[in-house]
Amino acid sequence: ELLALQKEVDSLRALEIEARKPKLYPFNPNYITDFKAYTLGMSP
């Protein structure tokens, strides 16, 4: 019962972390700005 409860808490925590991430919508990669490149994880 304790393991099941811990799994549920971990799942809720993962959902909360995912919800905090910035939303990503379809975009034309030709117009990536320096800030967008940073948020996407591209190196300089």
PDB file of all heavy atoms in Angstrom:
ATOM      1  N   GLU A   1       0.836  -1.211   0.000  1.00  0.00           N
ATOM      2  CA  GLU A   1       0.000   0.000   0.000  1.00  0.00           C
ATOM      3  C   GLU A   1       0.866   1.254   0.000  1.00  0.00           C
ATOM      4  O   GLU A   1       0.578   2.234  -0.687  1.00  0.00           O
ATOM      5  CB  GLU A   1      -0.928  -0.005   1.209  1.00  0.00           C
ATOM      6  CG  GLU A   1      -1.974  -1.121   1.170  1.00  0.00           C
ATOM      7  CD  GLU A   1      -2.904  -1.062   2.366  1.00  0.00           C
ATOM      8  OE1 GLU A   1      -2.731  -0.150   3.201  1.00  0.00           O
ATOM      9  OE2 GLU A   1      -3.806  -1.910   2.455  1.00  0.00           O
ATOM     10  N   LEU A   2       1.966   1.192   0.776  1.00  0.00           N
ATOM     11  CA  LEU A   2       2.874   2.331   0.839  1.00  0.00           C
ATOM     12  C   LEU A   2       3.566   2.539  -0.509  1.00  0.00           C
ATOM     13  O   LEU A   2       3.723   3.669  -0.979  1.00  0.00           O
ATOM     14  CB  LEU A   2       3.911   2.119   1.936  1.00  0.00           C
ATOM     15  CG  LEU A   2       4.940   3.243   2.127  1.00  0.00           C
ATOM     16  CD1 LEU A   2       4.237   4.529   2.521  1.00  0.00           C
ATOM     17  CD2 LEU A   2       5.969   2.856   3.175  1.00  0.00           C
ATOM     18  N   LEU A   3       3.975   1.453  -1.157  1.00  0.00           N
ATOM     19  CA  LEU A   3       4.625   1.548  -2.460  1.00  0.00           C
ATOM     20  C   LEU A   3       3.682   2.125  -3.510  1.00  0.00           C
ATOM     21  O   LEU A   3       4.075   2.934  -4.369  1.00  0.00           O
ATOM     22  CB  LEU A   3       5.129   0.175  -2.897  1.00  0.00           C
ATOM     23  CG  LEU A   3       6.287  -0.418  -2.075  1.00  0.00           C
ATOM     24  CD1 LEU A   3       6.600  -1.835  -2.548  1.00  0.00           C
ATOM     25  CD2 LEU A   3       7.534   0.468  -2.201  1.00  0.00           C
ATOM     26  N   ALA A   4       2.421   1.700  -3.463  1.00  0.00           N
ATOM     27  CA  ALA A   4       1.430   2.214  -4.413  1.00  0.00           C
ATOM     28  C   ALA A   4       1.201   3.709  -4.201  1.00  0.00           C
ATOM     29  O   ALA A   4       1.087   4.481  -5.167  1.00  0.00           O
ATOM     30  CB  ALA A   4       0.114   1.452  -4.253  1.00  0.00           C
ATOM     31  N   LEU A   5       1.156   4.125  -2.931  1.00  0.00           N
ATOM     32  CA  LEU A   5       0.977   5.543  -2.621  1.00  0.00           C
ATOM     33  C   LEU A   5       2.174   6.364  -3.093  1.00  0.00           C
ATOM     34  O   LEU A   5       2.011   7.463  -3.651  1.00  0.00           O
ATOM     35  CB  LEU A   5       0.767   5.721  -1.115  1.00  0.00           C
ATOM     36  CG  LEU A   5       0.531   7.154  -0.631  1.00  0.00           C
ATOM     37  CD1 LEU A   5      -0.729   7.716  -1.268  1.00  0.00           C
ATOM     38  CD2 LEU A   5       0.418   7.182   0.894  1.00  0.00           C
ATOM     39  N   GLN A   6       3.392   5.830  -2.882  1.00  0.00           N
ATOM     40  CA  GLN A   6       4.603   6.527  -3.311  1.00  0.00           C
ATOM     41  C   GLN A   6       4.643   6.657  -4.831  1.00  0.00           C
ATOM     42  O   GLN A   6       5.057   7.690  -5.375  1.00  0.00           O
ATOM     43  CB  GLN A   6       5.844   5.765  -2.821  1.00  0.00           C
ATOM     44  CG  GLN A   6       7.164   6.443  -3.162  1.00  0.00           C
ATOM     45  CD  GLN A   6       7.306   7.807  -2.523  1.00  0.00           C
ATOM     46  OE1 GLN A   6       6.984   7.963  -1.353  1.00  0.00           O
ATOM     47  NE2 GLN A   6       7.765   8.780  -3.294  1.00  0.00           N
ATOM     48  N   LYS A   7       4.187   5.617  -5.541  1.00  0.00           N
ATOM     49  CA  LYS A   7       4.154   5.650  -6.998  1.00  0.00           C
ATOM     50  C   LYS A   7       3.197   6.724  -7.496  1.00  0.00           C
ATOM     51  O   LYS A   7       3.483   7.442  -8.465  1.00  0.00           O
ATOM     52  CB  LYS A   7       3.736   4.272  -7.526  1.00  0.00           C
ATOM     53  CG  LYS A   7       3.790   4.161  -9.037  1.00  0.00           C
ATOM     54  CD  LYS A   7       3.444   2.752  -9.481  1.00  0.00           C
ATOM     55  CE  LYS A   7       3.512   2.636 -11.010  1.00  0.00           C
ATOM     56  NZ  LYS A   7       3.160   1.270 -11.464  1.00  0.00           N
ATOM     57  N   GLU A   8       2.072   6.854  -6.817  1.00  0.00           N
ATOM     58  CA  GLU A   8       1.087   7.877  -7.198  1.00  0.00           C
ATOM     59  C   GLU A   8       1.642   9.289  -6.962  1.00  0.00           C
ATOM     60  O   GLU A   8       1.467  10.187  -7.790  1.00  0.00           O
ATOM     61  CB  GLU A   8      -0.202   7.681  -6.401  1.00  0.00           C
ATOM     62  CG  GLU A   8      -1.310   8.647  -6.791  1.00  0.00           C
ATOM     63  CD  GLU A   8      -2.603   8.375  -6.046  1.00  0.00           C
ATOM     64  OE1 GLU A   8      -2.669   7.354  -5.318  1.00  0.00           O
ATOM     65  OE2 GLU A   8      -3.538   9.176  -6.190  1.00  0.00           O
ATOM     66  N   VAL A   9       2.335   9.459  -5.837  1.00  0.00           N
ATOM     67  CA  VAL A   9       2.945  10.767  -5.547  1.00  0.00           C
ATOM     68  C   VAL A   9       4.003  11.113  -6.589  1.00  0.00           C
ATOM     69  O   VAL A   9       4.076  12.247  -7.066  1.00  0.00           O
ATOM     70  CB  VAL A   9       3.567  10.761  -4.129  1.00  0.00           C
ATOM     71  CG1 VAL A   9       4.384  12.019  -3.899  1.00  0.00           C
ATOM     72  CG2 VAL A   9       2.469  10.645  -3.072  1.00  0.00           C
ATOM     73  N   ASP A  10       4.839  10.121  -6.950  1.00  0.00           N
ATOM     74  CA  ASP A  10       5.873  10.347  -7.961  1.00  0.00           C
ATOM     75  C   ASP A  10       5.247  10.712  -9.308  1.00  0.00           C
ATOM     76  O   ASP A  10       5.782  11.556 -10.045  1.00  0.00           O
ATOM     77  CB  ASP A  10       6.745   9.101  -8.117  1.00  0.00           C
ATOM     78  CG  ASP A  10       7.598   8.838  -6.879  1.00  0.00           C
ATOM     79  OD1 ASP A  10       7.784   9.786  -6.089  1.00  0.00           O
ATOM     80  OD2 ASP A  10       8.072   7.700  -6.710  1.00  0.00           O
ATOM     81  N   SER A  11       4.115  10.053  -9.633  1.00  0.00           N
ATOM     82  CA  SER A  11       3.433  10.338 -10.886  1.00  0.00           C
ATOM     83  C   SER A  11       2.899  11.764 -10.913  1.00  0.00           C
ATOM     84  O   SER A  11       3.028  12.481 -11.912  1.00  0.00           O
ATOM     85  CB  SER A  11       2.292   9.343 -11.105  1.00  0.00           C
ATOM     86  OG  SER A  11       1.577   9.636 -12.277  1.00  0.00           O
ATOM     87  N   LEU A  12       2.297  12.188  -9.803  1.00  0.00           N
ATOM     88  CA  LEU A  12       1.779  13.559  -9.718  1.00  0.00           C
ATOM     89  C   LEU A  12       2.903  14.583  -9.792  1.00  0.00           C
ATOM     90  O   LEU A  12       2.751  15.640 -10.409  1.00  0.00           O
ATOM     91  CB  LEU A  12       0.986  13.737  -8.415  1.00  0.00           C
ATOM     92  CG  LEU A  12      -0.324  12.945  -8.307  1.00  0.00           C
ATOM     93  CD1 LEU A  12      -0.917  13.090  -6.914  1.00  0.00           C
ATOM     94  CD2 LEU A  12      -1.321  13.455  -9.356  1.00  0.00           C
ATOM     95  N   ARG A  13       4.053  14.251  -9.165  1.00  0.00           N
ATOM     96  CA  ARG A  13       5.194  15.155  -9.205  1.00  0.00           C
ATOM     97  C   ARG A  13       5.721  15.291 -10.640  1.00  0.00           C
ATOM     98  O   ARG A  13       6.073  16.385 -11.091  1.00  0.00           O
ATOM     99  CB  ARG A  13       6.298  14.645  -8.286  1.00  0.00           C
ATOM    100  CG  ARG A  13       7.487  15.609  -8.195  1.00  0.00           C
ATOM    101  CD  ARG A  13       8.597  15.077  -7.317  1.00  0.00           C
ATOM    102  NE  ARG A  13       8.192  15.019  -5.923  1.00  0.00           N
ATOM    103  CZ  ARG A  13       8.001  13.901  -5.229  1.00  0.00           C
ATOM    104  NH1 ARG A  13       8.178  12.723  -5.822  1.00  0.00           N
ATOM    105  NH2 ARG A  13       7.635  13.933  -3.977  1.00  0.00           N
ATOM    106  N   ALA A  14       5.749  14.166 -11.375  1.00  0.00           N
ATOM    107  CA  ALA A  14       6.222  14.194 -12.758  1.00  0.00           C
ATOM    108  C   ALA A  14       5.284  15.013 -13.639  1.00  0.00           C
ATOM    109  O   ALA A  14       5.736  15.755 -14.516  1.00  0.00           O
ATOM    110  CB  ALA A  14       6.332  12.764 -13.302  1.00  0.00           C
ATOM    111  N   LEU A  15       3.969  14.889 -13.399  1.00  0.00           N
ATOM    112  CA  LEU A  15       3.002  15.671 -14.158  1.00  0.00           C
ATOM    113  C   LEU A  15       3.157  17.159 -13.885  1.00  0.00           C
ATOM    114  O   LEU A  15       3.033  17.987 -14.791  1.00  0.00           O
ATOM    115  CB  LEU A  15       1.568  15.224 -13.811  1.00  0.00           C
ATOM    116  CG  LEU A  15       1.148  13.842 -14.314  1.00  0.00           C
ATOM    117  CD1 LEU A  15      -0.220  13.480 -13.768  1.00  0.00           C
ATOM    118  CD2 LEU A  15       1.122  13.820 -15.835  1.00  0.00           C
ATOM    119  N   GLU A  16       3.437  17.499 -12.627  1.00  0.00           N
ATOM    120  CA  GLU A  16       3.623  18.906 -12.262  1.00  0.00           C
ATOM    121  C   GLU A  16       4.869  19.477 -12.938  1.00  0.00           C
ATOM    122  O   GLU A  16       4.852  20.607 -13.445  1.00  0.00           O
ATOM    123  CB  GLU A  16       3.755  19.020 -10.742  1.00  0.00           C
ATOM    124  CG  GLU A  16       4.015  20.436 -10.239  1.00  0.00           C
ATOM    125  CD  GLU A  16       2.878  21.379 -10.501  1.00  0.00           C
ATOM    126  OE1 GLU A  16       1.746  20.895 -10.710  1.00  0.00           O
ATOM    127  OE2 GLU A  16       3.113  22.600 -10.512  1.00  0.00           O
ATOM    128  N   ILE A  17       5.956  18.688 -12.977  1.00  0.00           N
ATOM    129  CA  ILE A  17       7.190  19.140 -13.628  1.00  0.00           C
ATOM    130  C   ILE A  17       6.957  19.327 -15.125  1.00  0.00           C
ATOM    131  O   ILE A  17       7.415  20.297 -15.733  1.00  0.00           O
ATOM    132  CB  ILE A  17       8.331  18.131 -13.378  1.00  0.00           C
ATOM    133  CG1 ILE A  17       8.698  18.119 -11.874  1.00  0.00           C
ATOM    134  CG2 ILE A  17       9.547  18.460 -14.224  1.00  0.00           C
ATOM    135  CD1 ILE A  17       9.701  17.052 -11.507  1.00  0.00           C
ATOM    136  N   GLU A  18       6.211  18.406 -15.729  1.00  0.00           N
ATOM    137  CA  GLU A  18       5.927  18.482 -17.155  1.00  0.00           C
ATOM    138  C   GLU A  18       5.063  19.692 -17.476  1.00  0.00           C
ATOM    139  O   GLU A  18       5.235  20.351 -18.503  1.00  0.00           O
ATOM    140  CB  GLU A  18       5.223  17.194 -17.622  1.00  0.00           C
ATOM    141  CG  GLU A  18       5.056  17.076 -19.118  1.00  0.00           C
ATOM    142  CD  GLU A  18       6.384  16.942 -19.840  1.00  0.00           C
ATOM    143  OE1 GLU A  18       7.345  16.448 -19.247  1.00  0.00           O
ATOM    144  OE2 GLU A  18       6.429  17.344 -21.023  1.00  0.00           O
ATOM    145  N   ALA A  19       4.107  19.993 -16.559  1.00  0.00           N
ATOM    146  CA  ALA A  19       3.211  21.134 -16.772  1.00  0.00           C
ATOM    147  C   ALA A  19       3.951  22.459 -16.704  1.00  0.00           C
ATOM    148  O   ALA A  19       3.545  23.445 -17.314  1.00  0.00           O
ATOM    149  CB  ALA A  19       2.090  21.111 -15.745  1.00  0.00           C
ATOM    150  N   ARG A  20       5.047  22.495 -15.951  1.00  0.00           N
ATOM    151  CA  ARG A  20       5.817  23.728 -15.814  1.00  0.00           C
ATOM    152  C   ARG A  20       6.714  24.001 -17.014  1.00  0.00           C
ATOM    153  O   ARG A  20       7.199  25.111 -17.176  1.00  0.00           O
ATOM    154  CB  ARG A  20       6.675  23.669 -14.544  1.00  0.00           C
ATOM    155  CG  ARG A  20       5.863  23.700 -13.252  1.00  0.00           C
ATOM    156  CD  ARG A  20       6.780  23.606 -12.047  1.00  0.00           C
ATOM    157  NE  ARG A  20       6.016  23.598 -10.802  1.00  0.00           N
ATOM    158  CZ  ARG A  20       6.570  23.452  -9.594  1.00  0.00           C
ATOM    159  NH1 ARG A  20       7.880  23.299  -9.494  1.00  0.00           N
ATOM    160  NH2 ARG A  20       5.820  23.442  -8.508  1.00  0.00           N
ATOM    161  N   LYS A  21       6.949  22.976 -17.832  1.00  0.00           N
ATOM    162  CA  LYS A  21       7.803  23.165 -18.995  1.00  0.00           C
ATOM    163  C   LYS A  21       7.097  24.047 -20.013  1.00  0.00           C
ATOM    164  O   LYS A  21       5.884  24.015 -20.154  1.00  0.00           O
ATOM    165  CB  LYS A  21       8.138  21.814 -19.642  1.00  0.00           C
ATOM    166  CG  LYS A  21       9.027  20.916 -18.799  1.00  0.00           C
ATOM    167  CD  LYS A  21       9.333  19.622 -19.536  1.00  0.00           C
ATOM    168  CE  LYS A  21      10.248  18.718 -18.724  1.00  0.00           C
ATOM    169  NZ  LYS A  21      10.531  17.443 -19.424  1.00  0.00           N
ATOM    170  N   PRO A  22       7.842  24.903 -20.749  1.00  0.00           N
ATOM    171  CA  PRO A  22       7.213  25.758 -21.759  1.00  0.00           C
ATOM    172  C   PRO A  22       6.604  24.929 -22.882  1.00  0.00           C
ATOM    173  O   PRO A  22       7.165  23.912 -23.297  1.00  0.00           O
ATOM    174  CB  PRO A  22       8.392  26.610 -22.264  1.00  0.00           C
ATOM    175  CG  PRO A  22       9.617  25.823 -21.917  1.00  0.00           C
ATOM    176  CD  PRO A  22       9.299  25.095 -20.640  1.00  0.00           C
ATOM    177  N   LYS A  23       5.432  25.359 -23.347  1.00  0.00           N
ATOM    178  CA  LYS A  23       4.742  24.654 -24.415  1.00  0.00           C
ATOM    179  C   LYS A  23       5.502  24.844 -25.727  1.00  0.00           C
ATOM    180  O   LYS A  23       6.048  25.901 -26.000  1.00  0.00           O
ATOM    181  CB  LYS A  23       3.316  25.177 -24.566  1.00  0.00           C
ATOM    182  CG  LYS A  23       2.455  25.011 -23.310  1.00  0.00           C
ATOM    183  CD  LYS A  23       2.189  23.551 -22.996  1.00  0.00           C
ATOM    184  CE  LYS A  23       1.259  23.424 -21.787  1.00  0.00           C
ATOM    185  NZ  LYS A  23       1.016  22.014 -21.432  1.00  0.00           N
ATOM    186  N   LEU A  24       5.503  23.800 -26.537  1.00  0.00           N
ATOM    187  CA  LEU A  24       6.185  23.848 -27.818  1.00  0.00           C
ATOM    188  C   LEU A  24       5.158  23.650 -28.922  1.00  0.00           C
ATOM    189  O   LEU A  24       4.416  22.661 -28.920  1.00  0.00           O
ATOM    190  CB  LEU A  24       7.266  22.758 -27.894  1.00  0.00           C
ATOM    191  CG  LEU A  24       8.241  22.824 -29.070  1.00  0.00           C
ATOM    192  CD1 LEU A  24       8.991  24.156 -29.053  1.00  0.00           C
ATOM    193  CD2 LEU A  24       9.236  21.674 -28.998  1.00  0.00           C
ATOM    194  N   TYR A  25       5.073  24.616 -29.819  1.00  0.00           N
ATOM    195  CA  TYR A  25       4.115  24.572 -30.906  1.00  0.00           C
ATOM    196  C   TYR A  25       4.872  24.439 -32.231  1.00  0.00           C
ATOM    197  O   TYR A  25       6.060  24.753 -32.320  1.00  0.00           O
ATOM    198  CB  TYR A  25       3.267  25.846 -30.911  1.00  0.00           C
ATOM    199  CG  TYR A  25       2.469  26.042 -29.641  1.00  0.00           C
ATOM    200  CD1 TYR A  25       2.942  26.870 -28.632  1.00  0.00           C
ATOM    201  CD2 TYR A  25       1.261  25.390 -29.446  1.00  0.00           C
ATOM    202  CE1 TYR A  25       2.227  27.050 -27.460  1.00  0.00           C
ATOM    203  CE2 TYR A  25       0.533  25.565 -28.287  1.00  0.00           C
ATOM    204  CZ  TYR A  25       1.020  26.396 -27.287  1.00  0.00           C
ATOM    205  OH  TYR A  25       0.302  26.566 -26.130  1.00  0.00           O
ATOM    206  N   PRO A  26       4.180  23.985 -33.298  1.00  0.00           N
ATOM    207  CA  PRO A  26       4.852  23.868 -34.597  1.00  0.00           C
ATOM    208  C   PRO A  26       5.453  25.199 -35.038  1.00  0.00           C
ATOM    209  O   PRO A  26       4.841  26.251 -34.864  1.00  0.00           O
ATOM    210  CB  PRO A  26       3.705  23.428 -35.527  1.00  0.00           C
ATOM    211  CG  PRO A  26       2.737  22.714 -34.626  1.00  0.00           C
ATOM    212  CD  PRO A  26       2.797  23.470 -33.324  1.00  0.00           C
ATOM    213  N   PHE A  27       6.649  25.161 -35.603  1.00  0.00           N
ATOM    214  CA  PHE A  27       7.337  26.380 -36.023  1.00  0.00           C
ATOM    215  C   PHE A  27       8.236  26.077 -37.211  1.00  0.00           C
ATOM    216  O   PHE A  27       8.632  24.930 -37.438  1.00  0.00           O
ATOM    217  CB  PHE A  27       8.179  26.955 -34.874  1.00  0.00           C
ATOM    218  CG  PHE A  27       9.297  26.049 -34.417  1.00  0.00           C
ATOM    219  CD1 PHE A  27      10.581  26.194 -34.918  1.00  0.00           C
ATOM    220  CD2 PHE A  27       9.051  25.035 -33.499  1.00  0.00           C
ATOM    221  CE1 PHE A  27      11.603  25.350 -34.505  1.00  0.00           C
ATOM    222  CE2 PHE A  27      10.061  24.188 -33.076  1.00  0.00           C
ATOM    223  CZ  PHE A  27      11.347  24.346 -33.585  1.00  0.00           C
ATOM    224  N   ASN A  28       8.531  27.123 -37.976  1.00  0.00           N
ATOM    225  CA  ASN A  28       9.438  27.011 -39.110  1.00  0.00           C
ATOM    226  C   ASN A  28      10.877  27.149 -38.591  1.00  0.00           C
ATOM    227  O   ASN A  28      11.241  28.199 -38.070  1.00  0.00           O
ATOM    228  CB  ASN A  28       9.140  28.105 -40.133  1.00  0.00           C
ATOM    229  CG  ASN A  28       9.921  27.910 -41.431  1.00  0.00           C
ATOM    230  OD1 ASN A  28      10.997  27.334 -41.441  1.00  0.00           O
ATOM    231  ND2 ASN A  28       9.361  28.402 -42.524  1.00  0.00           N
ATOM    232  N   PRO A  29      11.695  26.112 -38.714  1.00  0.00           N
ATOM    233  CA  PRO A  29      13.057  26.165 -38.145  1.00  0.00           C
ATOM    234  C   PRO A  29      13.951  27.212 -38.802  1.00  0.00           C
ATOM    235  O   PRO A  29      15.005  27.539 -38.259  1.00  0.00           O
ATOM    236  CB  PRO A  29      13.590  24.749 -38.389  1.00  0.00           C
ATOM    237  CG  PRO A  29      12.788  24.219 -39.525  1.00  0.00           C
ATOM    238  CD  PRO A  29      11.431  24.823 -39.376  1.00  0.00           C
ATOM    239  N   ASN A  30      13.529  27.753 -39.942  1.00  0.00           N
ATOM    240  CA  ASN A  30      14.324  28.797 -40.581  1.00  0.00           C
ATOM    241  C   ASN A  30      14.329  30.086 -39.772  1.00  0.00           C
ATOM    242  O   ASN A  30      15.206  30.926 -39.940  1.00  0.00           O
ATOM    243  CB  ASN A  30      13.787  29.089 -41.991  1.00  0.00           C
ATOM    244  CG  ASN A  30      14.158  28.008 -42.988  1.00  0.00           C
ATOM    245  OD1 ASN A  30      15.303  27.884 -43.392  1.00  0.00           O
ATOM    246  ND2 ASN A  30      13.178  27.202 -43.369  1.00  0.00           N
ATOM    247  N   TYR A  31      13.320  30.245 -38.882  1.00  0.00           N
ATOM    248  CA  TYR A  31      13.172  31.503 -38.150  1.00  0.00           C
ATOM    249  C   TYR A  31      13.435  31.343 -36.656  1.00  0.00           C
ATOM    250  O   TYR A  31      12.892  32.077 -35.843  1.00  0.00           O
ATOM    251  CB  TYR A  31      11.770  32.079 -38.385  1.00  0.00           C
ATOM    252  CG  TYR A  31      11.496  32.348 -39.838  1.00  0.00           C
ATOM    253  CD1 TYR A  31      10.589  31.578 -40.550  1.00  0.00           C
ATOM    254  CD2 TYR A  31      12.182  33.350 -40.504  1.00  0.00           C
ATOM    255  CE1 TYR A  31      10.348  31.820 -41.888  1.00  0.00           C
ATOM    256  CE2 TYR A  31      11.955  33.592 -41.853  1.00  0.00           C
ATOM    257  CZ  TYR A  31      11.028  32.830 -42.541  1.00  0.00           C
ATOM    258  OH  TYR A  31      10.808  33.064 -43.868  1.00  0.00           O
ATOM    259  N   ILE A  32      14.255  30.378 -36.300  1.00  0.00           N
ATOM    260  CA  ILE A  32      14.626  30.224 -34.892  1.00  0.00           C
ATOM    261  C   ILE A  32      15.469  31.423 -34.460  1.00  0.00           C
ATOM    262  O   ILE A  32      16.458  31.756 -35.103  1.00  0.00           O
ATOM    263  CB  ILE A  32      15.418  28.920 -34.667  1.00  0.00           C
ATOM    264  CG1 ILE A  32      14.520  27.700 -34.920  1.00  0.00           C
ATOM    265  CG2 ILE A  32      15.997  28.856 -33.269  1.00  0.00           C
ATOM    266  CD1 ILE A  32      15.242  26.371 -34.783  1.00  0.00           C
ATOM    267  N   THR A  33      15.060  32.063 -33.375  1.00  0.00           N
ATOM    268  CA  THR A  33      15.835  33.183 -32.830  1.00  0.00           C
ATOM    269  C   THR A  33      16.865  32.655 -31.840  1.00  0.00           C
ATOM    270  O   THR A  33      16.825  31.474 -31.464  1.00  0.00           O
ATOM    271  CB  THR A  33      14.905  34.179 -32.123  1.00  0.00           C
ATOM    272  OG1 THR A  33      14.254  33.516 -31.022  1.00  0.00           O
ATOM    273  CG2 THR A  33      13.846  34.710 -33.076  1.00  0.00           C
ATOM    274  N   ASP A  34      17.765  33.536 -31.395  1.00  0.00           N
ATOM    275  CA  ASP A  34      18.775  33.095 -30.443  1.00  0.00           C
ATOM    276  C   ASP A  34      18.135  32.663 -29.125  1.00  0.00           C
ATOM    277  O   ASP A  34      18.573  31.698 -28.493  1.00  0.00           O
ATOM    278  CB  ASP A  34      19.818  34.201 -30.204  1.00  0.00           C
ATOM    279  CG  ASP A  34      19.163  35.541 -29.886  1.00  0.00           C
ATOM    280  OD1 ASP A  34      17.925  35.619 -29.899  1.00  0.00           O
ATOM    281  OD2 ASP A  34      19.902  36.505 -29.627  1.00  0.00           O
ATOM    282  N   PHE A  35      17.061  33.360 -28.700  1.00  0.00           N
ATOM    283  CA  PHE A  35      16.394  32.971 -27.454  1.00  0.00           C
ATOM    284  C   PHE A  35      15.682  31.639 -27.607  1.00  0.00           C
ATOM    285  O   PHE A  35      15.746  30.778 -26.724  1.00  0.00           O
ATOM    286  CB  PHE A  35      15.395  34.049 -27.033  1.00  0.00           C
ATOM    287  CG  PHE A  35      14.606  33.696 -25.796  1.00  0.00           C
ATOM    288  CD1 PHE A  35      15.204  33.746 -24.539  1.00  0.00           C
ATOM    289  CD2 PHE A  35      13.287  33.284 -25.890  1.00  0.00           C
ATOM    290  CE1 PHE A  35      14.489  33.403 -23.407  1.00  0.00           C
ATOM    291  CE2 PHE A  35      12.566  32.940 -24.753  1.00  0.00           C
ATOM    292  CZ  PHE A  35      13.174  33.002 -23.510  1.00  0.00           C
ATOM    293  N   LYS A  36      14.996  31.446 -28.743  1.00  0.00           N
ATOM    294  CA  LYS A  36      14.296  30.177 -28.961  1.00  0.00           C
ATOM    295  C   LYS A  36      15.289  29.024 -29.055  1.00  0.00           C
ATOM    296  O   LYS A  36      15.021  27.933 -28.558  1.00  0.00           O
ATOM    297  CB  LYS A  36      13.442  30.254 -30.233  1.00  0.00           C
ATOM    298  CG  LYS A  36      12.484  29.062 -30.398  1.00  0.00           C
ATOM    299  CD  LYS A  36      11.551  29.277 -31.554  1.00  0.00           C
ATOM    300  CE  LYS A  36      10.533  28.142 -31.658  1.00  0.00           C
ATOM    301  NZ  LYS A  36       9.618  28.103 -30.528  1.00  0.00           N
ATOM    302  N   ALA A  37      16.438  29.287 -29.687  1.00  0.00           N
ATOM    303  CA  ALA A  37      17.473  28.250 -29.768  1.00  0.00           C
ATOM    304  C   ALA A  37      17.931  27.846 -28.379  1.00  0.00           C
ATOM    305  O   ALA A  37      18.159  26.660 -28.099  1.00  0.00           O
ATOM    306  CB  ALA A  37      18.655  28.753 -30.599  1.00  0.00           C
ATOM    307  N   TYR A  38      18.045  28.834 -27.488  1.00  0.00           N
ATOM    308  CA  TYR A  38      18.450  28.551 -26.107  1.00  0.00           C
ATOM    309  C   TYR A  38      17.404  27.697 -25.396  1.00  0.00           C
ATOM    310  O   TYR A  38      17.745  26.721 -24.721  1.00  0.00           O
ATOM    311  CB  TYR A  38      18.662  29.870 -25.364  1.00  0.00           C
ATOM    312  CG  TYR A  38      18.820  29.722 -23.866  1.00  0.00           C
ATOM    313  CD1 TYR A  38      20.013  29.258 -23.304  1.00  0.00           C
ATOM    314  CD2 TYR A  38      17.770  30.037 -23.006  1.00  0.00           C
ATOM    315  CE1 TYR A  38      20.152  29.112 -21.940  1.00  0.00           C
ATOM    316  CE2 TYR A  38      17.902  29.891 -21.636  1.00  0.00           C
ATOM    317  CZ  TYR A  38      19.091  29.434 -21.102  1.00  0.00           C
ATOM    318  OH  TYR A  38      19.214  29.280 -19.748  1.00  0.00           O
ATOM    319  N   THR A  39      16.130  28.060 -25.555  1.00  0.00           N
ATOM    320  CA  THR A  39      15.062  27.301 -24.879  1.00  0.00           C
ATOM    321  C   THR A  39      14.918  25.895 -25.448  1.00  0.00           C
ATOM    322  O   THR A  39      14.499  24.980 -24.741  1.00  0.00           O
ATOM    323  CB  THR A  39      13.716  28.033 -24.991  1.00  0.00           C
ATOM    324  OG1 THR A  39      13.377  28.205 -26.382  1.00  0.00           O
ATOM    325  CG2 THR A  39      13.781  29.395 -24.316  1.00  0.00           C
ATOM    326  N   LEU A  40      15.267  25.722 -26.721  1.00  0.00           N
ATOM    327  CA  LEU A  40      15.172  24.397 -27.339  1.00  0.00           C
ATOM    328  C   LEU A  40      16.361  23.512 -26.995  1.00  0.00           C
ATOM    329  O   LEU A  40      16.327  22.312 -27.242  1.00  0.00           O
ATOM    330  CB  LEU A  40      15.075  24.536 -28.861  1.00  0.00           C
ATOM    331  CG  LEU A  40      13.788  25.153 -29.416  1.00  0.00           C
ATOM    332  CD1 LEU A  40      13.903  25.324 -30.926  1.00  0.00           C
ATOM    333  CD2 LEU A  40      12.582  24.291 -29.074  1.00  0.00           C
ATOM    334  N   GLY A  41      17.419  24.122 -26.448  1.00  0.00           N
ATOM    335  CA  GLY A  41      18.589  23.337 -26.057  1.00  0.00           C
ATOM    336  C   GLY A  41      19.673  23.282 -27.116  1.00  0.00           C
ATOM    337  O   GLY A  41      20.576  22.438 -27.038  1.00  0.00           O
ATOM    338  N   MET A  42      19.601  24.175 -28.110  1.00  0.00           N
ATOM    339  CA  MET A  42      20.671  24.231 -29.112  1.00  0.00           C
ATOM    340  C   MET A  42      21.884  24.939 -28.523  1.00  0.00           C
ATOM    341  O   MET A  42      21.748  25.878 -27.741  1.00  0.00           O
ATOM    342  CB  MET A  42      20.196  24.979 -30.363  1.00  0.00           C
ATOM    343  CG  MET A  42      19.179  24.238 -31.200  1.00  0.00           C
ATOM    344  SD  MET A  42      18.693  25.218 -32.667  1.00  0.00           S
ATOM    345  CE  MET A  42      20.238  25.232 -33.597  1.00  0.00           C
ATOM    346  N   SER A  43      23.060  24.508 -28.919  1.00  0.00           N
ATOM    347  CA  SER A  43      24.278  25.166 -28.469  1.00  0.00           C
ATOM    348  C   SER A  43      24.482  26.450 -29.278  1.00  0.00           C
ATOM    349  O   SER A  43      23.961  26.569 -30.397  1.00  0.00           O
ATOM    350  CB  SER A  43      25.486  24.242 -28.650  1.00  0.00           C
ATOM    351  OG  SER A  43      25.765  24.065 -30.025  1.00  0.00           O
ATOM    352  N   PRO A  44      25.217  27.423 -28.732  1.00  0.00           N
ATOM    353  CA  PRO A  44      25.487  28.657 -29.484  1.00  0.00           C
ATOM    354  C   PRO A  44      26.145  28.381 -30.837  1.00  0.00           C
ATOM    355  O   PRO A  44      25.858  29.059 -31.818  1.00  0.00           O
ATOM    356  CB  PRO A  44      26.422  29.436 -28.556  1.00  0.00           C
ATOM    357  CG  PRO A  44      26.085  28.943 -27.179  1.00  0.00           C
ATOM    358  CD  PRO A  44      25.757  27.491 -27.353  1.00  0.00           C
TER     359      PRO A  44
END
